[in-house]
PDB file of N, CA and C in Angstrom:
ATOM      1  N   MET A   1       0.833  -1.166   0.000  1.00  0.00           N
ATOM      2  CA  MET A   1       0.000   0.000   0.000  1.00  0.00           C
ATOM      3  C   MET A   1       0.890   1.245   0.000  1.00  0.00           C
ATOM      4  N   LYS A   2       0.682   2.122  -0.969  1.00  0.00           N
ATOM      5  CA  LYS A   2       1.491   3.333  -1.071  1.00  0.00           C
ATOM      6  C   LYS A   2       0.748   4.500  -0.434  1.00  0.00           C
ATOM      7  N   PRO A   3       1.479   5.401   0.219  1.00  0.00           N
ATOM      8  CA  PRO A   3       0.816   6.544   0.853  1.00  0.00           C
ATOM      9  C   PRO A   3       0.251   7.488  -0.194  1.00  0.00           C
ATOM     10  N   ASP A   4      -0.844   8.153   0.136  1.00  0.00           N
ATOM     11  CA  ASP A   4      -1.448   9.138  -0.742  1.00  0.00           C
ATOM     12  C   ASP A   4      -0.830  10.496  -0.436  1.00  0.00           C
ATOM     13  N   ARG A   5       0.075  10.936  -1.309  1.00  0.00           N
ATOM     14  CA  ARG A   5       0.827  12.165  -1.077  1.00  0.00           C
ATOM     15  C   ARG A   5      -0.065  13.411  -1.105  1.00  0.00           C
ATOM     16  N   ASP A   6      -1.303  13.292  -1.623  1.00  0.00           N
ATOM     17  CA  ASP A   6      -2.210  14.432  -1.702  1.00  0.00           C
ATOM     18  C   ASP A   6      -3.009  14.632  -0.410  1.00  0.00           C
ATOM     19  N   GLN A   7      -2.938  13.687   0.506  1.00  0.00           N
ATOM     20  CA  GLN A   7      -3.677  13.806   1.765  1.00  0.00           C
ATOM     21  C   GLN A   7      -3.014  14.839   2.665  1.00  0.00           C
ATOM     22  N   PRO A   8      -3.787  15.633   3.400  1.00  0.00           N
ATOM     23  CA  PRO A   8      -3.204  16.678   4.246  1.00  0.00           C
ATOM     24  C   PRO A   8      -2.349  16.133   5.383  1.00  0.00           C
ATOM     25  N   ASP A   9      -2.579  14.886   5.809  1.00  0.00           N
ATOM     26  CA  ASP A   9      -1.790  14.337   6.918  1.00  0.00           C
ATOM     27  C   ASP A   9      -0.554  13.570   6.446  1.00  0.00           C
ATOM     28  N   PHE A  10      -0.261  13.588   5.118  1.00  0.00           N
ATOM     29  CA  PHE A  10       0.923  12.904   4.600  1.00  0.00           C
ATOM     30  C   PHE A  10       2.181  13.630   5.060  1.00  0.00           C
ATOM     31  N   LYS A  11       3.156  12.868   5.565  1.00  0.00           N
ATOM     32  CA  LYS A  11       4.421  13.448   6.012  1.00  0.00           C
ATOM     33  C   LYS A  11       5.555  12.872   5.178  1.00  0.00           C
ATOM     34  N   GLN A  12       6.353  13.749   4.588  1.00  0.00           N
ATOM     35  CA  GLN A  12       7.504  13.323   3.806  1.00  0.00           C
ATOM     36  C   GLN A  12       8.544  12.703   4.732  1.00  0.00           C
ATOM     37  N   ARG A  13       9.244  11.687   4.264  1.00  0.00           N
ATOM     38  CA  ARG A  13      10.283  11.056   5.071  1.00  0.00           C
ATOM     39  C   ARG A  13      11.384  12.058   5.377  1.00  0.00           C
ATOM     40  N   ARG A  14      11.987  11.899   6.575  1.00  0.00           N
ATOM     41  CA  ARG A  14      13.017  12.835   7.000  1.00  0.00           C
ATOM     42  C   ARG A  14      14.396  12.459   6.499  1.00  0.00           C
ATOM     43  N   SER A  15      14.595  11.213   6.076  1.00  0.00           N
ATOM     44  CA  SER A  15      15.921  10.822   5.610  1.00  0.00           C
ATOM     45  C   SER A  15      15.808   9.882   4.422  1.00  0.00           C
ATOM     46  N   GLU A  16      16.868   9.851   3.631  1.00  0.00           N
ATOM     47  CA  GLU A  16      16.922   9.007   2.443  1.00  0.00           C
ATOM     48  C   GLU A  16      16.773   7.537   2.830  1.00  0.00           C
ATOM     49  N   ARG A  17      16.006   6.797   2.026  1.00  0.00           N
ATOM     50  CA  ARG A  17      15.856   5.363   2.238  1.00  0.00           C
ATOM     51  C   ARG A  17      16.583   4.653   1.104  1.00  0.00           C
ATOM     52  N   ARG A  18      17.268   3.581   1.436  1.00  0.00           N
ATOM     53  CA  ARG A  18      17.970   2.778   0.437  1.00  0.00           C
ATOM     54  C   ARG A  18      17.351   1.397   0.381  1.00  0.00           C
ATOM     55  N   ALA A  19      16.945   1.003  -0.830  1.00  0.00           N
ATOM     56  CA  ALA A  19      16.468  -0.367  -1.010  1.00  0.00           C
ATOM     57  C   ALA A  19      17.673  -1.278  -0.861  1.00  0.00           C
ATOM     58  N   VAL A  20      17.481  -2.441  -0.315  1.00  0.00           N
ATOM     59  CA  VAL A  20      18.582  -3.378  -0.151  1.00  0.00           C
ATOM     60  C   VAL A  20      18.245  -4.696  -0.823  1.00  0.00           C
ATOM     61  N   ALA A  21      19.299  -5.379  -1.257  1.00  0.00           N
ATOM     62  CA  ALA A  21      19.114  -6.712  -1.827  1.00  0.00           C
ATOM     63  C   ALA A  21      18.470  -7.576  -0.747  1.00  0.00           C
ATOM     64  N   PRO A  22      17.668  -8.540  -1.135  1.00  0.00           N
ATOM     65  CA  PRO A  22      16.993  -9.350  -0.118  1.00  0.00           C
ATOM     66  C   PRO A  22      17.958  -9.807   0.970  1.00  0.00           C
ATOM     67  N   ALA A  23      17.695  -9.354   2.163  1.00  0.00           N
ATOM     68  CA  ALA A  23      18.560  -9.670   3.293  1.00  0.00           C
ATOM     69  C   ALA A  23      17.726 -10.277   4.402  1.00  0.00           C
ATOM     70  N   GLN A  24      18.160 -11.387   4.914  1.00  0.00           N
ATOM     71  CA  GLN A  24      17.494 -12.011   6.047  1.00  0.00           C
ATOM     72  C   GLN A  24      18.226 -11.598   7.307  1.00  0.00           C
ATOM     73  N   THR A  25      17.508 -11.329   8.326  1.00  0.00           N
ATOM     74  CA  THR A  25      18.121 -10.947   9.587  1.00  0.00           C
ATOM     75  C   THR A  25      17.230 -11.411  10.718  1.00  0.00           C
ATOM     76  N   VAL A  26      17.703 -11.272  11.910  1.00  0.00           N
ATOM     77  CA  VAL A  26      16.937 -11.682  13.071  1.00  0.00           C
ATOM     78  C   VAL A  26      16.494 -10.448  13.835  1.00  0.00           C
ATOM     79  N   CYS A  27      15.240 -10.426  14.181  1.00  0.00           N
ATOM     80  CA  CYS A  27      14.652  -9.356  14.964  1.00  0.00           C
ATOM     81  C   CYS A  27      14.312  -9.968  16.320  1.00  0.00           C
ATOM     82  N   ARG A  28      14.899  -9.455  17.382  1.00  0.00           N
ATOM     83  CA  ARG A  28      14.732 -10.056  18.702  1.00  0.00           C
ATOM     84  C   ARG A  28      14.084  -9.094  19.682  1.00  0.00           C
ATOM     85  N   SER A  29      13.282  -9.668  20.529  1.00  0.00           N
ATOM     86  CA  SER A  29      12.829  -8.939  21.714  1.00  0.00           C
ATOM     87  C   SER A  29      13.386  -9.729  22.889  1.00  0.00           C
ATOM     88  N   SER A  30      13.010  -9.370  24.080  1.00  0.00           N
ATOM     89  CA  SER A  30      13.534 -10.103  25.231  1.00  0.00           C
ATOM     90  C   SER A  30      12.921 -11.496  25.355  1.00  0.00           C
ATOM     91  N   TRP A  31      11.845 -11.787  24.605  1.00  0.00           N
ATOM     92  CA  TRP A  31      11.174 -13.081  24.741  1.00  0.00           C
ATOM     93  C   TRP A  31      11.357 -14.019  23.553  1.00  0.00           C
ATOM     94  N   TYR A  32      11.636 -13.508  22.380  1.00  0.00           N
ATOM     95  CA  TYR A  32      11.694 -14.390  21.214  1.00  0.00           C
ATOM     96  C   TYR A  32      12.553 -13.791  20.110  1.00  0.00           C
ATOM     97  N   ALA A  33      12.844 -14.614  19.098  1.00  0.00           N
ATOM     98  CA  ALA A  33      13.580 -14.161  17.913  1.00  0.00           C
ATOM     99  C   ALA A  33      12.810 -14.619  16.682  1.00  0.00           C
ATOM    100  N   ILE A  34      12.712 -13.756  15.677  1.00  0.00           N
ATOM    101  CA  ILE A  34      12.058 -14.110  14.427  1.00  0.00           C
ATOM    102  C   ILE A  34      12.932 -13.652  13.266  1.00  0.00           C
ATOM    103  N   GLU A  35      12.716 -14.272  12.125  1.00  0.00           N
ATOM    104  CA  GLU A  35      13.468 -13.906  10.931  1.00  0.00           C
ATOM    105  C   GLU A  35      12.640 -12.925  10.116  1.00  0.00           C
ATOM    106  N   VAL A  36      13.283 -11.858   9.644  1.00  0.00           N
ATOM    107  CA  VAL A  36      12.619 -10.869   8.804  1.00  0.00           C
ATOM    108  C   VAL A  36      13.433 -10.656   7.536  1.00  0.00           C
ATOM    109  N   LYS A  37      12.769 -10.204   6.486  1.00  0.00           N
ATOM    110  CA  LYS A  37      13.436  -9.852   5.230  1.00  0.00           C
ATOM    111  C   LYS A  37      13.431  -8.330   5.137  1.00  0.00           C
ATOM    112  N   ILE A  38      14.614  -7.724   5.188  1.00  0.00           N
ATOM    113  CA  ILE A  38      14.724  -6.272   5.125  1.00  0.00           C
ATOM    114  C   ILE A  38      14.478  -5.810   3.686  1.00  0.00           C
ATOM    115  N   CYS A  39      13.595  -4.832   3.518  1.00  0.00           N
ATOM    116  CA  CYS A  39      13.277  -4.285   2.196  1.00  0.00           C
ATOM    117  C   CYS A  39      14.052  -3.004   1.922  1.00  0.00           C
ATOM    118  N   ASP A  40      14.052  -2.097   2.900  1.00  0.00           N
ATOM    119  CA  ASP A  40      14.841  -0.876   2.769  1.00  0.00           C
ATOM    120  C   ASP A  40      15.214  -0.365   4.143  1.00  0.00           C
ATOM    121  N   VAL A  41      16.201   0.524   4.144  1.00  0.00           N
ATOM    122  CA  VAL A  41      16.743   1.030   5.401  1.00  0.00           C
ATOM    123  C   VAL A  41      17.122   2.495   5.212  1.00  0.00           C
ATOM    124  N   SER A  42      17.022   3.252   6.283  1.00  0.00           N
ATOM    125  CA  SER A  42      17.487   4.638   6.292  1.00  0.00           C
ATOM    126  C   SER A  42      18.268   4.835   7.577  1.00  0.00           C
ATOM    127  N   GLN A  43      18.774   6.030   7.782  1.00  0.00           N
ATOM    128  CA  GLN A  43      19.476   6.319   9.034  1.00  0.00           C
ATOM    129  C   GLN A  43      18.545   6.169  10.228  1.00  0.00           C
ATOM    130  N   CYS A  44      17.271   6.414  10.008  1.00  0.00           N
ATOM    131  CA  CYS A  44      16.312   6.460  11.122  1.00  0.00           C
ATOM    132  C   CYS A  44      15.439   5.225  11.269  1.00  0.00           C
ATOM    133  N   GLY A  45      15.411   4.334  10.265  1.00  0.00           N
ATOM    134  CA  GLY A  45      14.514   3.195  10.388  1.00  0.00           C
ATOM    135  C   GLY A  45      14.648   2.196   9.260  1.00  0.00           C
ATOM    136  N   PHE A  46      13.688   1.269   9.227  1.00  0.00           N
ATOM    137  CA  PHE A  46      13.721   0.188   8.252  1.00  0.00           C
ATOM    138  C   PHE A  46      12.310  -0.242   7.895  1.00  0.00           C
ATOM    139  N   GLN A  47      12.195  -0.919   6.761  1.00  0.00           N
ATOM    140  CA  GLN A  47      10.972  -1.589   6.365  1.00  0.00           C
ATOM    141  C   GLN A  47      11.349  -3.040   6.125  1.00  0.00           C
ATOM    142  N   ALA A  48      10.509  -3.953   6.595  1.00  0.00           N
ATOM    143  CA  ALA A  48      10.811  -5.371   6.472  1.00  0.00           C
ATOM    144  C   ALA A  48       9.536  -6.163   6.215  1.00  0.00           C
ATOM    145  N   GLU A  49       9.723  -7.411   5.793  1.00  0.00           N
ATOM    146  CA  GLU A  49       8.625  -8.354   5.677  1.00  0.00           C
ATOM    147  C   GLU A  49       8.829  -9.418   6.741  1.00  0.00           C
ATOM    148  N   CYS A  50       7.746  -9.787   7.390  1.00  0.00           N
ATOM    149  CA  CYS A  50       7.813 -10.741   8.485  1.00  0.00           C
ATOM    150  C   CYS A  50       6.532 -11.563   8.473  1.00  0.00           C
ATOM    151  N   ALA A  51       6.647 -12.877   8.470  1.00  0.00           N
ATOM    152  CA  ALA A  51       5.477 -13.751   8.423  1.00  0.00           C
ATOM    153  C   ALA A  51       4.687 -13.727   9.729  1.00  0.00           C
ATOM    154  N   GLU A  52       5.344 -13.394  10.824  1.00  0.00           N
ATOM    155  CA  GLU A  52       4.681 -13.377  12.128  1.00  0.00           C
ATOM    156  C   GLU A  52       4.346 -11.951  12.531  1.00  0.00           C
ATOM    157  N   PRO A  53       3.217 -11.735  13.186  1.00  0.00           N
ATOM    158  CA  PRO A  53       2.908 -10.372  13.643  1.00  0.00           C
ATOM    159  C   PRO A  53       3.836  -9.938  14.769  1.00  0.00           C
ATOM    160  N   VAL A  54       4.223  -8.690  14.718  1.00  0.00           N
ATOM    161  CA  VAL A  54       5.032  -8.082  15.769  1.00  0.00           C
ATOM    162  C   VAL A  54       4.229  -6.884  16.260  1.00  0.00           C
ATOM    163  N   GLY A  55       3.984  -6.799  17.532  1.00  0.00           N
ATOM    164  CA  GLY A  55       3.128  -5.753  18.065  1.00  0.00           C
ATOM    165  C   GLY A  55       3.652  -4.356  17.809  1.00  0.00           C
ATOM    166  N   ILE A  56       2.776  -3.483  17.335  1.00  0.00           N
ATOM    167  CA  ILE A  56       3.136  -2.085  17.150  1.00  0.00           C
ATOM    168  C   ILE A  56       3.509  -1.519  18.517  1.00  0.00           C
ATOM    169  N   GLY A  57       4.630  -0.821  18.578  1.00  0.00           N
ATOM    170  CA  GLY A  57       5.123  -0.288  19.833  1.00  0.00           C
ATOM    171  C   GLY A  57       6.151  -1.185  20.503  1.00  0.00           C
ATOM    172  N   SER A  58       6.300  -2.434  19.987  1.00  0.00           N
ATOM    173  CA  SER A  58       7.279  -3.359  20.564  1.00  0.00           C
ATOM    174  C   SER A  58       8.692  -2.847  20.333  1.00  0.00           C
ATOM    175  N   PHE A  59       9.554  -3.078  21.308  1.00  0.00           N
ATOM    176  CA  PHE A  59      10.968  -2.759  21.163  1.00  0.00           C
ATOM    177  C   PHE A  59      11.695  -4.017  20.723  1.00  0.00           C
ATOM    178  N   VAL A  60      12.549  -3.891  19.698  1.00  0.00           N
ATOM    179  CA  VAL A  60      13.269  -5.020  19.129  1.00  0.00           C
ATOM    180  C   VAL A  60      14.730  -4.652  18.928  1.00  0.00           C
ATOM    181  N   ALA A  61      15.549  -5.657  18.718  1.00  0.00           N
ATOM    182  CA  ALA A  61      16.945  -5.459  18.327  1.00  0.00           C
ATOM    183  C   ALA A  61      17.102  -6.087  16.952  1.00  0.00           C
ATOM    184  N   LEU A  62      17.604  -5.331  16.009  1.00  0.00           N
ATOM    185  CA  LEU A  62      17.766  -5.779  14.634  1.00  0.00           C
ATOM    186  C   LEU A  62      19.254  -5.950  14.364  1.00  0.00           C
ATOM    187  N   GLU A  63      19.660  -7.123  13.861  1.00  0.00           N
ATOM    188  CA  GLU A  63      21.063  -7.375  13.533  1.00  0.00           C
ATOM    189  C   GLU A  63      21.389  -6.716  12.194  1.00  0.00           C
ATOM    190  N   VAL A  64      22.196  -5.666  12.221  1.00  0.00           N
ATOM    191  CA  VAL A  64      22.569  -4.922  11.016  1.00  0.00           C
ATOM    192  C   VAL A  64      24.020  -5.247  10.684  1.00  0.00           C
ATOM    193  N   PRO A  65      24.277  -5.904   9.530  1.00  0.00           N
ATOM    194  CA  PRO A  65      25.652  -6.231   9.160  1.00  0.00           C
ATOM    195  C   PRO A  65      26.540  -4.991   9.126  1.00  0.00           C
ATOM    196  N   GLY A  66      27.691  -5.081   9.749  1.00  0.00           N
ATOM    197  CA  GLY A  66      28.630  -3.970   9.804  1.00  0.00           C
ATOM    198  C   GLY A  66      28.437  -3.080  11.018  1.00  0.00           C
ATOM    199  N   ILE A  67      27.286  -3.215  11.675  1.00  0.00           N
ATOM    200  CA  ILE A  67      26.999  -2.382  12.840  1.00  0.00           C
ATOM    201  C   ILE A  67      26.747  -3.245  14.077  1.00  0.00           C
ATOM    202  N   GLY A  68      25.981  -4.316  13.919  1.00  0.00           N
ATOM    203  CA  GLY A  68      25.630  -5.181  15.039  1.00  0.00           C
ATOM    204  C   GLY A  68      24.184  -4.974  15.443  1.00  0.00           C
ATOM    205  N   ALA A  69      23.862  -5.285  16.679  1.00  0.00           N
ATOM    206  CA  ALA A  69      22.492  -5.163  17.166  1.00  0.00           C
ATOM    207  C   ALA A  69      22.112  -3.688  17.306  1.00  0.00           C
ATOM    208  N   VAL A  70      21.003  -3.322  16.701  1.00  0.00           N
ATOM    209  CA  VAL A  70      20.503  -1.960  16.741  1.00  0.00           C
ATOM    210  C   VAL A  70      19.106  -1.995  17.362  1.00  0.00           C
ATOM    211  N   GLN A  71      18.887  -1.182  18.372  1.00  0.00           N
ATOM    212  CA  GLN A  71      17.594  -1.118  19.047  1.00  0.00           C
ATOM    213  C   GLN A  71      16.617  -0.304  18.204  1.00  0.00           C
ATOM    214  N   ALA A  72      15.387  -0.809  18.096  1.00  0.00           N
ATOM    215  CA  ALA A  72      14.359  -0.138  17.297  1.00  0.00           C
ATOM    216  C   ALA A  72      13.001  -0.345  17.940  1.00  0.00           C
ATOM    217  N   GLN A  73      12.041   0.446  17.483  1.00  0.00           N
ATOM    218  CA  GLN A  73      10.662   0.275  17.917  1.00  0.00           C
ATOM    219  C   GLN A  73       9.799   0.072  16.681  1.00  0.00           C
ATOM    220  N   VAL A  74       8.939  -0.943  16.712  1.00  0.00           N
ATOM    221  CA  VAL A  74       8.014  -1.209  15.611  1.00  0.00           C
ATOM    222  C   VAL A  74       6.969  -0.107  15.614  1.00  0.00           C
ATOM    223  N   ARG A  75       6.818   0.569  14.465  1.00  0.00           N
ATOM    224  CA  ARG A  75       5.898   1.712  14.372  1.00  0.00           C
ATOM    225  C   ARG A  75       4.635   1.372  13.599  1.00  0.00           C
ATOM    226  N   TRP A  76       4.703   0.394  12.683  1.00  0.00           N
ATOM    227  CA  TRP A  76       3.517   0.013  11.930  1.00  0.00           C
ATOM    228  C   TRP A  76       3.673  -1.401  11.392  1.00  0.00           C
ATOM    229  N   GLN A  77       2.542  -2.045  11.099  1.00  0.00           N
ATOM    230  CA  GLN A  77       2.534  -3.349  10.443  1.00  0.00           C
ATOM    231  C   GLN A  77       1.236  -3.463   9.654  1.00  0.00           C
ATOM    232  N   ILE A  78       1.370  -3.800   8.380  1.00  0.00           N
ATOM    233  CA  ILE A  78       0.234  -4.023   7.498  1.00  0.00           C
ATOM    234  C   ILE A  78       0.494  -5.330   6.783  1.00  0.00           C
ATOM    235  N   GLY A  79      -0.287  -6.342   7.077  1.00  0.00           N
ATOM    236  CA  GLY A  79      -0.065  -7.661   6.496  1.00  0.00           C
ATOM    237  C   GLY A  79       1.304  -8.173   6.916  1.00  0.00           C
ATOM    238  N   VAL A  80       2.122  -8.570   5.940  1.00  0.00           N
ATOM    239  CA  VAL A  80       3.459  -9.083   6.252  1.00  0.00           C
ATOM    240  C   VAL A  80       4.510  -7.968   6.316  1.00  0.00           C
ATOM    241  N   ARG A  81       4.146  -6.745   5.952  1.00  0.00           N
ATOM    242  CA  ARG A  81       5.088  -5.623   5.973  1.00  0.00           C
ATOM    243  C   ARG A  81       5.065  -4.936   7.331  1.00  0.00           C
ATOM    244  N   MET A  82       6.241  -4.506   7.766  1.00  0.00           N
ATOM    245  CA  MET A  82       6.346  -3.772   9.021  1.00  0.00           C
ATOM    246  C   MET A  82       7.418  -2.707   8.883  1.00  0.00           C
ATOM    247  N   GLY A  83       7.333  -1.692   9.709  1.00  0.00           N
ATOM    248  CA  GLY A  83       8.322  -0.635   9.710  1.00  0.00           C
ATOM    249  C   GLY A  83       8.730  -0.299  11.126  1.00  0.00           C
ATOM    250  N   GLY A  84       9.986   0.051  11.272  1.00  0.00           N
ATOM    251  CA  GLY A  84      10.487   0.376  12.599  1.00  0.00           C
ATOM    252  C   GLY A  84      11.353   1.610  12.581  1.00  0.00           C
ATOM    253  N   MET A  85      11.476   2.224  13.745  1.00  0.00           N
ATOM    254  CA  MET A  85      12.296   3.422  13.932  1.00  0.00           C
ATOM    255  C   MET A  85      13.466   3.047  14.836  1.00  0.00           C
ATOM    256  N   PHE A  86      14.690   3.326  14.383  1.00  0.00           N
ATOM    257  CA  PHE A  86      15.861   3.087  15.213  1.00  0.00           C
ATOM    258  C   PHE A  86      15.840   4.069  16.389  1.00  0.00           C
ATOM    259  N   LEU A  87      16.165   3.589  17.577  1.00  0.00           N
ATOM    260  CA  LEU A  87      16.188   4.471  18.741  1.00  0.00           C
ATOM    261  C   LEU A  87      17.328   5.475  18.639  1.00  0.00           C
ATOM    262  N   ASP A  88      18.440   5.060  18.030  1.00  0.00           N
ATOM    263  CA  ASP A  88      19.559   5.955  17.720  1.00  0.00           C
ATOM    264  C   ASP A  88      19.850   5.791  16.233  1.00  0.00           C
ATOM    265  N   PRO A  89      19.911   6.884  15.462  1.00  0.00           N
ATOM    266  CA  PRO A  89      20.177   6.773  14.025  1.00  0.00           C
ATOM    267  C   PRO A  89      21.470   5.992  13.758  1.00  0.00           C
ATOM    268  N   ILE A  90      21.498   5.290  12.628  1.00  0.00           N
ATOM    269  CA  ILE A  90      22.681   4.525  12.234  1.00  0.00           C
ATOM    270  C   ILE A  90      23.411   5.238  11.102  1.00  0.00           C
ATOM    271  N   SER A  91      24.660   4.861  10.879  1.00  0.00           N
ATOM    272  CA  SER A  91      25.438   5.377   9.754  1.00  0.00           C
ATOM    273  C   SER A  91      25.277   4.409   8.585  1.00  0.00           C
ATOM    274  N   LEU A  92      24.687   4.874   7.491  1.00  0.00           N
ATOM    275  CA  LEU A  92      24.525   4.008   6.321  1.00  0.00           C
ATOM    276  C   LEU A  92      25.878   3.637   5.721  1.00  0.00           C
ATOM    277  N   ASN A  93      26.914   4.450   5.963  1.00  0.00           N
ATOM    278  CA  ASN A  93      28.250   4.138   5.463  1.00  0.00           C
ATOM    279  C   ASN A  93      28.822   2.894   6.145  1.00  0.00           C
ATOM    280  N   ARG A  94      28.418   2.627   7.382  1.00  0.00           N
ATOM    281  CA  ARG A  94      28.898   1.449   8.104  1.00  0.00           C
ATOM    282  C   ARG A  94      28.048   0.215   7.838  1.00  0.00           C
ATOM    283  N   CYS A  95      26.835   0.434   7.352  1.00  0.00           N
ATOM    284  CA  CYS A  95      25.904  -0.664   7.085  1.00  0.00           C
ATOM    285  C   CYS A  95      26.396  -1.456   5.877  1.00  0.00           C
ATOM    286  N   GLU A  96      26.475  -2.785   6.013  1.00  0.00           N
ATOM    287  CA  GLU A  96      26.994  -3.618   4.933  1.00  0.00           C
ATOM    288  C   GLU A  96      25.910  -4.288   4.090  1.00  0.00           C
ATOM    289  N   TRP A  97      24.648  -3.882   4.261  1.00  0.00           N
ATOM    290  CA  TRP A  97      23.620  -4.389   3.367  1.00  0.00           C
ATOM    291  C   TRP A  97      23.897  -3.846   1.988  1.00  0.00           C
ATOM    292  N   THR A  98      23.680  -4.633   0.962  1.00  0.00           N
ATOM    293  CA  THR A  98      23.949  -4.237  -0.409  1.00  0.00           C
ATOM    294  C   THR A  98      22.791  -3.415  -0.955  1.00  0.00           C
ATOM    295  N   ALA A  99      23.083  -2.219  -1.415  1.00  0.00           N
ATOM    296  CA  ALA A  99      22.051  -1.376  -2.014  1.00  0.00           C
ATOM    297  C   ALA A  99      21.728  -1.870  -3.416  1.00  0.00           C
ATOM    298  N   VAL A 100      20.476  -1.727  -3.817  1.00  0.00           N
ATOM    299  CA  VAL A 100      20.059  -2.080  -5.174  1.00  0.00           C
ATOM    300  C   VAL A 100      19.408  -0.872  -5.804  1.00  0.00           C
ATOM    301  N   ARG A 101      19.579  -0.745  -7.114  1.00  0.00           N
ATOM    302  CA  ARG A 101      18.991   0.373  -7.843  1.00  0.00           C
ATOM    303  C   ARG A 101      17.499   0.110  -8.036  1.00  0.00           C
ATOM    304  N   THR A 102      16.676   1.108  -7.740  1.00  0.00           N
ATOM    305  CA  THR A 102      15.238   0.993  -7.935  1.00  0.00           C
ATOM    306  C   THR A 102      14.744   2.212  -8.679  1.00  0.00           C
ATOM    307  N   SER A 103      13.520   2.132  -9.185  1.00  0.00           N
ATOM    308  CA  SER A 103      12.896   3.252  -9.862  1.00  0.00           C
ATOM    309  C   SER A 103      11.888   3.899  -8.935  1.00  0.00           C
ATOM    310  N   PRO A 104      11.674   5.213  -9.071  1.00  0.00           N
ATOM    311  CA  PRO A 104      10.652   5.873  -8.260  1.00  0.00           C
ATOM    312  C   PRO A 104       9.280   5.287  -8.588  1.00  0.00           C
ATOM    313  N   PRO A 105       8.344   5.319  -7.624  1.00  0.00           N
ATOM    314  CA  PRO A 105       6.994   4.822  -7.886  1.00  0.00           C
ATOM    315  C   PRO A 105       6.384   5.535  -9.088  1.00  0.00           C
ATOM    316  N   GLY A 106       5.777   4.778  -9.978  1.00  0.00           N
ATOM    317  CA  GLY A 106       5.125   5.348 -11.146  1.00  0.00           C
ATOM    318  C   GLY A 106       6.034   5.595 -12.329  1.00  0.00           C
ATOM    319  N   ALA A 107       7.355   5.351 -12.175  1.00  0.00           N
ATOM    320  CA  ALA A 107       8.281   5.589 -13.292  1.00  0.00           C
ATOM    321  C   ALA A 107       8.162   4.484 -14.327  1.00  0.00           C
ATOM    322  N   LEU A 108       8.323   4.856 -15.572  1.00  0.00           N
ATOM    323  CA  LEU A 108       8.316   3.862 -16.650  1.00  0.00           C
ATOM    324  C   LEU A 108       9.692   3.216 -16.737  1.00  0.00           C
ATOM    325  N   VAL A 109       9.698   1.921 -16.794  1.00  0.00           N
ATOM    326  CA  VAL A 109      10.987   1.198 -16.831  1.00  0.00           C
ATOM    327  C   VAL A 109      11.222   0.660 -18.212  1.00  0.00           C
TER     328      VAL A 109
END
């Protein structure tokens, strides 16, 4: 589901997001660990796919290659997609996830 940029409550992202090659990682809370597929990442957060529901507002630790465990809070989940906000911004230069080239939404390829 794509946001409707014409809606008055739409908020532009505060930092650049980078799509990443399909990456599997572990998202942990103090009670369990689950595997997620990272879709994109920014200095402030991430978007992932996860087969299991993760409660909105839950605090998790995400294993980021090149950085290690990063604390985050789940901010939304729609179906298998979820998004989280890093509690402390990360350096994308240190992140070892492989970036992939993508086209803007609606662009002709």
